[in-house]
Amino acid sequence: MPRGIAPNVLSVFVGGALSAFLYGHAAIAAPLPASPQVSRPPLIATKPDAPRLLASEKTQVAKPKPPPATKTKGDPKGDQKEHEDDSDNPLDCLNDCFIGLGLLFDSSTPPSAAAPATAFASEASRWSVGSEAWLVAPTSMDHVALWESPSVPESLAVTTGTLAHGSHVVVVETYATSGGFWTRVRPFDGVDPSGWTPSWLLSEAPAPKPAPPHRPRPDPRWGLRLLLGGTGLGPADLDIEYGDGGLRADVQYIKLFKKQWVSGFGFGYRNLYGRPTQAYLSGTTLDDPMESRIQTYELGTRAGQRYGDRSGFRFDWMLGPTLAWVNERANMDVYTVVPPATLVPAGNRDDELGRWAGGGEFRANIGWHVNQDSEWGLHLGAFMFAWEGHEEHSLATDFVHSNIHGWDIGLSYTFVR
């Protein structure tokens, strides 16, 4: 505080206190005014010498004077006088002095003037009476509520109706408050409903049309499965020669039914290379196979069940009959037998055996659904062909006197629609 202000403040404080003190003593020393006494005039003027009238007699007398006015509770003049008496209280004067001192010591920075209401100038210029707009509903709603009054708490607000998201409307009135800019709108091609809505729910361009609802995809009804893997043969005579296994390929059409039933029809192929360990002796010759090969061409139909869940896991099994063309061929050295035990080379030749065989097959597939149309999985299978060797060819299959059987393992890819 500057040095020149302190003496002035002190002088004002001392002078105010002194004036209040002197004024209070002067008020106490003044004599109290005498309380007014008003005599009540008689209602009837009497004459001391006049005789008393009888009850049946009448005479004229002067009107009685009205009684003096008395102070009532609601008298404005009396209230004003009381306020004037209260203003003479010395404590009020002293209180005013302290209030003045508080104002002097208060911050010298005056309060900032109220800023002009330009916060919604852009909204006012954007939404004028007659403007066309489109309603934009909040994300969690599909309509916009119209209110009876703007800037009213939601607990007290009354709606006049609702309009759907994207409705074409016309602004008929605007209103700016400290809480936001409001517009009263009505449908572009009608009158009702009409009501107030915040301007942030309006758009100058129509809202894009929502995409049509996505129809759930129906369950698949058919599929195509490809298998590629390895295979093995039995019984033991074939397992010794073809113990290294071979190639297994299969293409299968799958039909999917309700209640998890599935059927299939397909074509399969097997190819195995062998290492012959046996020679074939006749009365005059000896056939010594050097290379051998078995191929099967299969047609099969199957039926089973299919399971799956939302995680993408798939499992199906099928069982059915199979018709196979079994073909074995070998390249061999030929020797002539000269008694008692001499072998004379006689050259080289090929031998081949082909025969139809009926049988059956069981297959299981453990898969995973990777997208809407594709599944990858592991295929496990077993098969059996009815077989009886005739011992006419120098081939392993012609000396088998039990059913040919084997196993399959490989990868599967399934396309479903």
Protein backbone atom coordinates (compact mmCIF):
# COMPACT_ATOMS: atom_id res chain seq x y z
CA MET A 1 0.00 0.00 0.00
CA PRO A 2 1.44 3.44 -0.84
CA ARG A 3 2.68 5.54 2.04
CA GLY A 4 0.16 8.40 1.41
CA ILE A 5 -2.86 6.20 1.98
CA ALA A 6 -2.07 5.11 5.56
CA PRO A 7 -2.51 8.62 7.25
CA ASN A 8 -5.76 9.16 5.39
CA VAL A 9 -7.12 5.82 6.52
CA LEU A 10 -6.15 6.44 10.12
CA SER A 11 -7.75 9.88 10.15
CA VAL A 12 -10.99 8.51 8.76
CA PHE A 13 -11.08 5.76 11.38
CA VAL A 14 -10.43 8.16 14.33
CA GLY A 15 -12.88 10.74 13.09
CA GLY A 16 -15.63 8.22 12.59
CA ALA A 17 -15.18 6.75 16.07
CA LEU A 18 -15.16 10.21 17.71
CA SER A 19 -18.30 11.35 15.91
CA ALA A 20 -20.12 8.20 16.92
CA PHE A 21 -19.08 8.66 20.55
CA LEU A 22 -20.20 12.32 20.73
CA TYR A 23 -23.42 11.64 18.96
CA GLY A 24 -24.25 8.87 21.38
CA HIS A 25 -23.71 11.11 24.47
CA ALA A 26 -25.79 13.85 22.97
CA ALA A 27 -28.59 11.47 22.31
CA ILE A 28 -28.50 10.11 25.86
CA ALA A 29 -28.45 13.63 27.45
CA ALA A 30 -31.54 14.85 25.58
CA PRO A 31 -34.71 14.76 27.70
CA LEU A 32 -37.25 12.23 26.75
CA PRO A 33 -40.43 13.74 25.28
CA ALA A 34 -43.53 13.49 27.37
CA SER A 35 -45.89 10.82 26.34
CA PRO A 36 -48.98 12.35 24.68
CA GLN A 37 -52.20 12.16 26.60
CA VAL A 38 -55.44 12.41 24.71
CA SER A 39 -58.66 12.93 26.53
CA ARG A 40 -61.57 10.99 25.15
CA PRO A 41 -64.46 13.39 24.44
CA PRO A 42 -67.86 12.47 25.66
CA LEU A 43 -70.12 10.95 23.07
CA ILE A 44 -73.12 13.05 24.15
CA ALA A 45 -72.87 16.68 25.28
CA THR A 46 -74.73 17.16 28.48
CA LYS A 47 -75.98 20.26 30.11
CA PRO A 48 -75.62 20.43 33.89
CA ASP A 49 -78.93 22.17 34.28
CA ALA A 50 -80.88 20.24 31.68
CA PRO A 51 -83.41 17.80 33.05
CA ARG A 52 -82.96 14.09 32.28
CA LEU A 53 -85.04 12.99 29.31
CA LEU A 54 -87.52 10.25 29.49
CA ALA A 55 -87.13 7.14 27.42
CA SER A 56 -89.91 8.25 25.05
CA GLU A 57 -88.49 11.75 24.45
CA LYS A 58 -85.92 12.90 21.82
CA THR A 59 -83.84 16.06 21.37
CA GLN A 60 -81.01 17.29 19.04
CA VAL A 61 -77.37 17.45 20.21
CA ALA A 62 -73.99 18.22 18.55
CA LYS A 63 -72.07 15.34 16.86
CA PRO A 64 -69.29 13.85 18.93
CA LYS A 65 -65.73 14.50 17.73
CA PRO A 66 -63.92 11.44 16.22
CA PRO A 67 -61.29 9.85 18.43
CA PRO A 68 -57.62 10.63 17.56
CA ALA A 69 -55.89 8.23 15.11
CA THR A 70 -53.94 5.45 16.79
CA LYS A 71 -50.82 3.77 15.44
CA THR A 72 -51.41 0.33 13.86
CA LYS A 73 -49.06 -2.49 13.05
CA GLY A 74 -49.14 -1.95 9.33
CA ASP A 75 -48.80 1.89 9.37
CA PRO A 76 -46.13 2.80 6.78
CA LYS A 77 -45.39 6.13 8.41
CA GLY A 78 -44.75 4.49 11.72
CA ASP A 79 -42.39 1.93 10.09
CA GLN A 80 -40.54 4.73 8.38
CA LYS A 81 -40.13 6.53 11.69
CA GLU A 82 -38.82 3.35 13.31
CA HIS A 83 -36.27 2.99 10.51
CA GLU A 84 -35.27 6.61 11.03
CA ASP A 85 -34.82 5.94 14.76
CA ASP A 86 -32.74 2.88 13.99
CA SER A 87 -30.55 4.88 11.65
CA ASP A 88 -29.61 7.15 14.51
CA ASN A 89 -27.96 4.25 16.31
CA PRO A 90 -24.22 5.09 16.79
CA LEU A 91 -23.25 1.43 16.30
CA ASP A 92 -24.51 1.55 12.72
CA CYS A 93 -22.25 4.51 11.98
CA LEU A 94 -19.27 2.71 13.47
CA ASN A 95 -20.10 -0.40 11.40
CA ASP A 96 -20.18 1.74 8.25
CA CYS A 97 -16.70 3.02 9.06
CA PHE A 98 -15.31 -0.49 9.34
CA ILE A 99 -16.95 -1.47 6.05
CA GLY A 100 -15.29 1.53 4.39
CA LEU A 101 -11.93 0.49 5.80
CA GLY A 102 -12.43 -3.04 4.45
CA LEU A 103 -13.08 -1.67 0.98
CA LEU A 104 -9.91 0.47 1.16
CA PHE A 105 -7.73 -2.50 2.13
CA ASP A 106 -9.32 -4.78 -0.45
CA SER A 107 -7.60 -5.51 -3.74
CA SER A 108 -7.29 -2.49 -5.93
CA THR A 109 -8.03 -4.58 -9.05
CA PRO A 110 -11.66 -4.00 -10.08
CA PRO A 111 -13.77 -7.04 -10.99
CA SER A 112 -13.62 -7.94 -14.61
CA ALA A 113 -16.54 -6.87 -16.67
CA ALA A 114 -18.83 -9.56 -18.03
CA ALA A 115 -17.65 -10.83 -21.37
CA PRO A 116 -20.04 -10.20 -24.25
CA ALA A 117 -22.17 -13.17 -25.20
CA THR A 118 -20.25 -14.12 -28.32
CA ALA A 119 -19.55 -17.74 -27.40
CA PHE A 120 -22.40 -18.93 -29.59
CA ALA A 121 -22.05 -16.37 -32.35
CA SER A 122 -20.95 -19.05 -34.80
CA GLU A 123 -23.87 -21.28 -33.84
CA ALA A 124 -26.29 -18.38 -34.20
CA SER A 125 -24.99 -17.59 -37.68
CA ARG A 126 -25.06 -21.26 -38.62
CA TRP A 127 -28.56 -21.98 -37.38
CA SER A 128 -30.96 -19.14 -38.13
CA VAL A 129 -34.71 -19.25 -38.38
CA GLY A 130 -35.66 -21.09 -41.55
CA SER A 131 -32.44 -23.10 -41.82
CA GLU A 132 -32.71 -26.70 -42.96
CA ALA A 133 -30.96 -29.37 -40.94
CA TRP A 134 -30.79 -33.11 -40.35
CA LEU A 135 -30.95 -34.71 -36.93
CA VAL A 136 -28.00 -36.80 -35.75
CA ALA A 137 -28.92 -39.15 -32.91
CA PRO A 138 -26.31 -40.13 -30.29
CA THR A 139 -24.47 -43.36 -30.93
CA SER A 140 -26.45 -45.35 -28.38
CA MET A 141 -29.86 -44.20 -29.70
CA ASP A 142 -31.79 -44.28 -32.96
CA HIS A 143 -33.93 -41.17 -32.36
CA VAL A 144 -33.71 -37.59 -31.01
CA ALA A 145 -36.02 -36.31 -28.25
CA LEU A 146 -37.68 -32.89 -28.61
CA TRP A 147 -38.16 -30.88 -25.39
CA GLU A 148 -40.89 -28.47 -24.38
CA SER A 149 -38.41 -25.87 -23.04
CA PRO A 150 -34.70 -25.26 -23.62
CA SER A 151 -32.03 -25.57 -20.93
CA VAL A 152 -34.19 -27.38 -18.38
CA PRO A 153 -32.80 -30.13 -16.15
CA GLU A 154 -33.65 -33.56 -17.49
CA SER A 155 -35.52 -34.41 -14.30
CA LEU A 156 -37.96 -31.56 -14.97
CA ALA A 157 -37.97 -31.57 -18.77
CA VAL A 158 -41.04 -32.60 -20.71
CA THR A 159 -40.70 -34.08 -24.19
CA THR A 160 -43.06 -33.13 -27.00
CA GLY A 161 -42.09 -36.05 -29.21
CA THR A 162 -39.21 -37.80 -30.95
CA LEU A 163 -37.80 -37.83 -34.48
CA ALA A 164 -35.77 -40.59 -36.04
CA HIS A 165 -32.07 -40.34 -36.77
CA GLY A 166 -31.49 -38.50 -40.07
CA SER A 167 -34.87 -36.71 -40.08
CA HIS A 168 -35.05 -33.58 -42.27
CA VAL A 169 -36.13 -30.59 -40.11
CA VAL A 170 -36.48 -26.79 -40.23
CA VAL A 171 -35.30 -24.38 -37.51
CA VAL A 172 -38.20 -22.18 -36.31
CA GLU A 173 -36.62 -20.55 -33.24
CA THR A 174 -33.25 -20.24 -31.50
CA TYR A 175 -32.23 -19.64 -27.92
CA ALA A 176 -28.76 -19.16 -26.39
CA THR A 177 -28.01 -19.92 -22.74
CA SER A 178 -24.90 -20.31 -20.67
CA GLY A 179 -25.25 -24.03 -21.10
CA GLY A 180 -25.46 -24.11 -24.87
CA PHE A 181 -27.25 -23.04 -28.01
CA TRP A 182 -30.74 -24.45 -28.53
CA THR A 183 -32.97 -24.62 -31.57
CA ARG A 184 -36.66 -25.35 -31.91
CA VAL A 185 -37.28 -27.51 -34.94
CA ARG A 186 -40.15 -29.13 -36.79
CA PRO A 187 -40.28 -31.72 -39.57
CA PHE A 188 -39.46 -30.35 -43.01
CA ASP A 189 -42.69 -31.63 -44.51
CA GLY A 190 -44.96 -31.19 -41.49
CA VAL A 191 -45.73 -29.28 -38.31
CA ASP A 192 -45.66 -31.85 -35.51
CA PRO A 193 -43.80 -32.82 -33.50
CA SER A 194 -42.09 -29.55 -32.72
CA GLY A 195 -39.68 -28.96 -29.87
CA TRP A 196 -36.29 -27.81 -28.63
CA THR A 197 -33.05 -29.68 -29.15
CA PRO A 198 -29.34 -28.75 -28.67
CA SER A 199 -27.67 -27.48 -31.82
CA TRP A 200 -24.96 -30.14 -31.63
CA LEU A 201 -27.57 -32.69 -32.61
CA LEU A 202 -28.07 -30.93 -35.97
CA SER A 203 -26.13 -31.46 -39.18
CA GLU A 204 -26.02 -29.36 -42.33
CA ALA A 205 -25.85 -32.46 -44.53
CA PRO A 206 -28.04 -35.57 -44.43
CA ALA A 207 -26.63 -38.44 -42.42
CA PRO A 208 -25.36 -41.36 -44.50
CA LYS A 209 -27.81 -44.17 -44.86
CA PRO A 210 -27.03 -47.02 -42.49
CA ALA A 211 -25.83 -50.20 -44.07
CA PRO A 212 -28.49 -52.85 -44.43
CA PRO A 213 -28.51 -55.31 -41.57
CA HIS A 214 -26.16 -58.19 -42.12
CA ARG A 215 -28.15 -61.35 -42.49
CA PRO A 216 -26.69 -64.24 -40.59
CA ARG A 217 -25.05 -66.71 -42.89
CA PRO A 218 -26.90 -70.00 -43.11
CA ASP A 219 -25.21 -73.17 -42.01
CA PRO A 220 -23.04 -74.77 -44.72
CA ARG A 221 -24.74 -77.43 -46.79
CA TRP A 222 -21.90 -78.97 -48.78
CA GLY A 223 -18.14 -79.09 -48.94
CA LEU A 224 -15.11 -80.39 -50.78
CA ARG A 225 -12.26 -82.05 -48.91
CA LEU A 226 -8.72 -82.70 -50.13
CA LEU A 227 -6.43 -85.19 -48.39
CA LEU A 228 -2.70 -85.61 -48.78
CA GLY A 229 -0.54 -87.86 -46.59
CA GLY A 230 1.04 -91.23 -46.11
CA THR A 231 -0.20 -94.79 -46.05
CA GLY A 232 0.92 -98.25 -45.01
CA LEU A 233 -0.04 -101.82 -45.96
CA GLY A 234 -0.57 -105.17 -44.26
CA PRO A 235 -0.59 -108.05 -43.57
CA ALA A 236 2.95 -108.93 -42.61
CA ASP A 237 4.02 -110.22 -46.06
CA LEU A 238 3.19 -106.87 -47.61
CA ASP A 239 4.46 -104.88 -44.65
CA ILE A 240 7.93 -106.44 -45.07
CA GLU A 241 8.17 -105.54 -48.74
CA TYR A 242 6.33 -102.20 -48.55
CA GLY A 243 7.42 -101.21 -45.07
CA ASP A 244 8.59 -97.76 -46.19
CA GLY A 245 5.00 -96.69 -46.78
CA GLY A 246 3.73 -94.62 -49.63
CA LEU A 247 1.62 -91.70 -50.84
CA ARG A 248 -2.10 -91.24 -50.14
CA ALA A 249 -4.27 -88.68 -51.97
CA ASP A 250 -8.05 -88.27 -51.86
CA VAL A 251 -10.75 -85.91 -53.13
CA GLN A 252 -14.15 -86.14 -51.44
CA TYR A 253 -17.46 -84.36 -51.84
CA ILE A 254 -19.24 -83.82 -48.51
CA LYS A 255 -22.93 -83.26 -47.98
CA LEU A 256 -23.94 -81.65 -44.67
CA PHE A 257 -27.34 -82.39 -43.17
CA LYS A 258 -29.22 -81.17 -40.13
CA LYS A 259 -28.62 -82.65 -36.71
CA GLN A 260 -24.90 -83.06 -37.40
CA TRP A 261 -25.19 -85.81 -40.01
CA VAL A 262 -22.75 -85.83 -42.92
CA SER A 263 -22.15 -88.00 -45.96
CA GLY A 264 -19.47 -88.15 -48.60
CA PHE A 265 -18.47 -89.60 -51.90
CA GLY A 266 -14.91 -89.53 -53.20
CA PHE A 267 -12.00 -90.85 -55.20
CA GLY A 268 -8.74 -92.05 -53.65
CA TYR A 269 -5.30 -93.04 -54.83
CA ARG A 270 -2.39 -94.91 -53.18
CA ASN A 271 1.12 -95.46 -54.42
CA LEU A 272 3.75 -97.57 -52.64
CA TYR A 273 7.24 -98.66 -53.75
CA GLY A 274 8.62 -101.91 -52.38
CA ARG A 275 11.90 -103.66 -51.79
CA PRO A 276 11.30 -107.32 -52.56
CA THR A 277 12.91 -109.81 -50.15
CA GLN A 278 11.48 -113.00 -51.68
CA ALA A 279 12.15 -114.87 -54.96
CA TYR A 280 9.66 -117.12 -56.73
CA LEU A 281 10.79 -120.61 -57.87
CA SER A 282 9.01 -122.79 -60.36
CA GLY A 283 10.01 -126.16 -61.81
CA THR A 284 12.51 -124.74 -64.33
CA THR A 285 12.90 -121.04 -63.57
CA LEU A 286 13.55 -118.66 -60.70
CA ASP A 287 12.06 -115.15 -60.69
CA ASP A 288 14.02 -112.67 -58.59
CA PRO A 289 12.06 -109.32 -58.32
CA MET A 290 14.28 -106.27 -58.12
CA GLU A 291 11.67 -103.48 -57.93
CA SER A 292 7.99 -103.63 -57.08
CA ARG A 293 5.11 -101.16 -56.90
CA ILE A 294 1.49 -101.23 -55.69
CA GLN A 295 -1.15 -98.73 -56.83
CA THR A 296 -4.81 -98.61 -55.81
CA TYR A 297 -7.65 -96.57 -57.34
CA GLU A 298 -10.63 -96.33 -55.00
CA LEU A 299 -14.25 -95.20 -55.16
CA GLY A 300 -16.04 -94.90 -51.85
CA THR A 301 -19.19 -93.54 -50.25
CA ARG A 302 -19.42 -92.83 -46.55
CA ALA A 303 -21.68 -91.41 -43.84
CA GLY A 304 -21.09 -90.14 -40.33
CA GLN A 305 -21.45 -87.17 -38.02
CA ARG A 306 -19.86 -83.77 -37.72
CA TYR A 307 -19.36 -81.62 -34.60
CA GLY A 308 -18.19 -78.08 -34.00
CA ASP A 309 -18.33 -75.13 -31.61
CA ARG A 310 -17.93 -71.36 -31.69
CA SER A 311 -14.21 -71.53 -31.04
CA GLY A 312 -13.70 -73.02 -34.51
CA PHE A 313 -13.00 -76.60 -33.49
CA ARG A 314 -14.35 -79.23 -35.91
CA PHE A 315 -14.50 -83.01 -35.74
CA ASP A 316 -16.17 -85.50 -38.06
CA TRP A 317 -16.09 -89.19 -38.70
CA MET A 318 -17.35 -91.28 -41.62
CA LEU A 319 -17.60 -94.95 -42.41
CA GLY A 320 -18.58 -96.66 -45.64
CA PRO A 321 -17.91 -99.19 -48.40
CA THR A 322 -15.09 -98.88 -50.93
CA LEU A 323 -14.44 -100.48 -54.31
CA ALA A 324 -10.76 -100.57 -55.27
CA TRP A 325 -8.70 -101.57 -58.28
CA VAL A 326 -5.49 -103.12 -56.88
CA ASN A 327 -2.53 -103.20 -59.23
CA GLU A 328 0.96 -104.59 -58.49
CA ARG A 329 3.86 -104.82 -60.88
CA ALA A 330 7.53 -105.78 -60.56
CA ASN A 331 10.68 -105.95 -62.63
CA MET A 332 12.64 -109.14 -62.08
CA ASP A 333 15.66 -111.14 -63.20
CA VAL A 334 14.89 -114.59 -64.55
CA TYR A 335 17.12 -117.61 -64.04
CA THR A 336 16.95 -121.11 -65.49
CA VAL A 337 17.35 -123.86 -62.91
CA VAL A 338 19.81 -126.57 -63.94
CA PRO A 339 19.78 -129.57 -61.66
CA PRO A 340 20.93 -130.13 -59.14
CA ALA A 341 21.20 -126.38 -58.08
CA THR A 342 22.68 -124.33 -60.87
CA LEU A 343 21.12 -121.01 -61.91
CA VAL A 344 21.65 -119.83 -65.44
CA PRO A 345 20.65 -116.21 -66.21
CA ALA A 346 17.79 -116.18 -68.68
CA GLY A 347 17.12 -112.49 -68.94
CA ASN A 348 14.77 -109.89 -67.40
CA ARG A 349 11.00 -109.43 -67.47
CA ASP A 350 8.05 -107.53 -65.90
CA ASP A 351 5.15 -109.11 -64.12
CA GLU A 352 1.84 -107.40 -63.33
CA LEU A 353 -1.36 -108.21 -61.42
CA GLY A 354 -4.61 -106.21 -61.47
CA ARG A 355 -7.83 -107.10 -59.68
CA TRP A 356 -10.99 -105.48 -58.30
CA ALA A 357 -11.47 -105.75 -54.57
CA GLY A 358 -14.30 -104.68 -52.36
CA GLY A 359 -13.85 -103.39 -48.85
CA GLY A 360 -14.55 -100.58 -46.46
CA GLU A 361 -12.97 -97.54 -44.89
CA PHE A 362 -13.17 -95.56 -41.67
CA ARG A 363 -11.86 -92.01 -41.52
CA ALA A 364 -11.80 -89.27 -38.89
CA ASN A 365 -10.91 -85.61 -39.32
CA ILE A 366 -9.88 -83.23 -36.55
CA GLY A 367 -9.97 -79.71 -37.95
CA TRP A 368 -10.02 -76.01 -37.22
CA HIS A 369 -12.30 -73.45 -38.83
CA VAL A 370 -9.96 -70.67 -40.03
CA ASN A 371 -12.57 -68.51 -41.85
CA GLN A 372 -16.11 -68.71 -43.17
CA ASP A 373 -15.24 -71.12 -45.97
CA SER A 374 -12.08 -72.98 -44.99
CA GLU A 375 -11.01 -75.64 -42.53
CA TRP A 376 -7.62 -77.23 -42.00
CA GLY A 377 -7.26 -80.48 -40.17
CA LEU A 378 -5.55 -83.80 -39.47
CA HIS A 379 -6.90 -86.89 -41.22
CA LEU A 380 -6.70 -90.38 -39.71
CA GLY A 381 -8.01 -93.43 -41.57
CA ALA A 382 -8.06 -97.20 -41.82
CA PHE A 383 -9.13 -99.43 -44.69
CA MET A 384 -9.59 -103.08 -45.62
CA PHE A 385 -9.93 -104.92 -48.96
CA ALA A 386 -11.16 -108.48 -49.32
CA TRP A 387 -8.34 -110.43 -50.93
CA GLU A 388 -7.20 -113.95 -51.78
CA GLY A 389 -3.94 -114.70 -53.64
CA HIS A 390 -3.86 -117.25 -56.48
CA GLU A 391 -0.08 -117.84 -56.54
CA GLU A 392 0.08 -117.42 -60.31
CA HIS A 393 2.31 -114.33 -60.42
CA SER A 394 5.72 -113.71 -58.96
CA LEU A 395 4.26 -110.84 -56.87
CA ALA A 396 3.72 -110.42 -53.15
CA THR A 397 -0.01 -109.73 -53.42
CA ASP A 398 -0.59 -113.03 -55.27
CA PHE A 399 0.75 -114.93 -52.29
CA VAL A 400 -1.42 -113.11 -49.67
CA HIS A 401 -4.24 -115.32 -48.36
CA SER A 402 -5.90 -112.80 -46.05
CA ASN A 403 -7.51 -109.40 -46.42
CA ILE A 404 -5.30 -106.48 -47.38
CA HIS A 405 -5.54 -103.70 -44.79
CA GLY A 406 -3.68 -100.56 -43.91
CA TRP A 407 -3.71 -97.11 -42.39
CA ASP A 408 -3.65 -93.44 -43.55
CA ILE A 409 -2.48 -90.23 -41.93
CA GLY A 410 -2.27 -86.82 -43.53
CA LEU A 411 -3.39 -83.21 -43.78
CA SER A 412 -6.89 -82.20 -44.89
CA TYR A 413 -8.31 -79.01 -46.34
CA THR A 414 -12.08 -78.57 -46.42
CA PHE A 415 -13.99 -75.93 -48.37
CA VAL A 416 -17.59 -75.54 -47.16
CA ARG A 417 -20.51 -73.52 -48.52
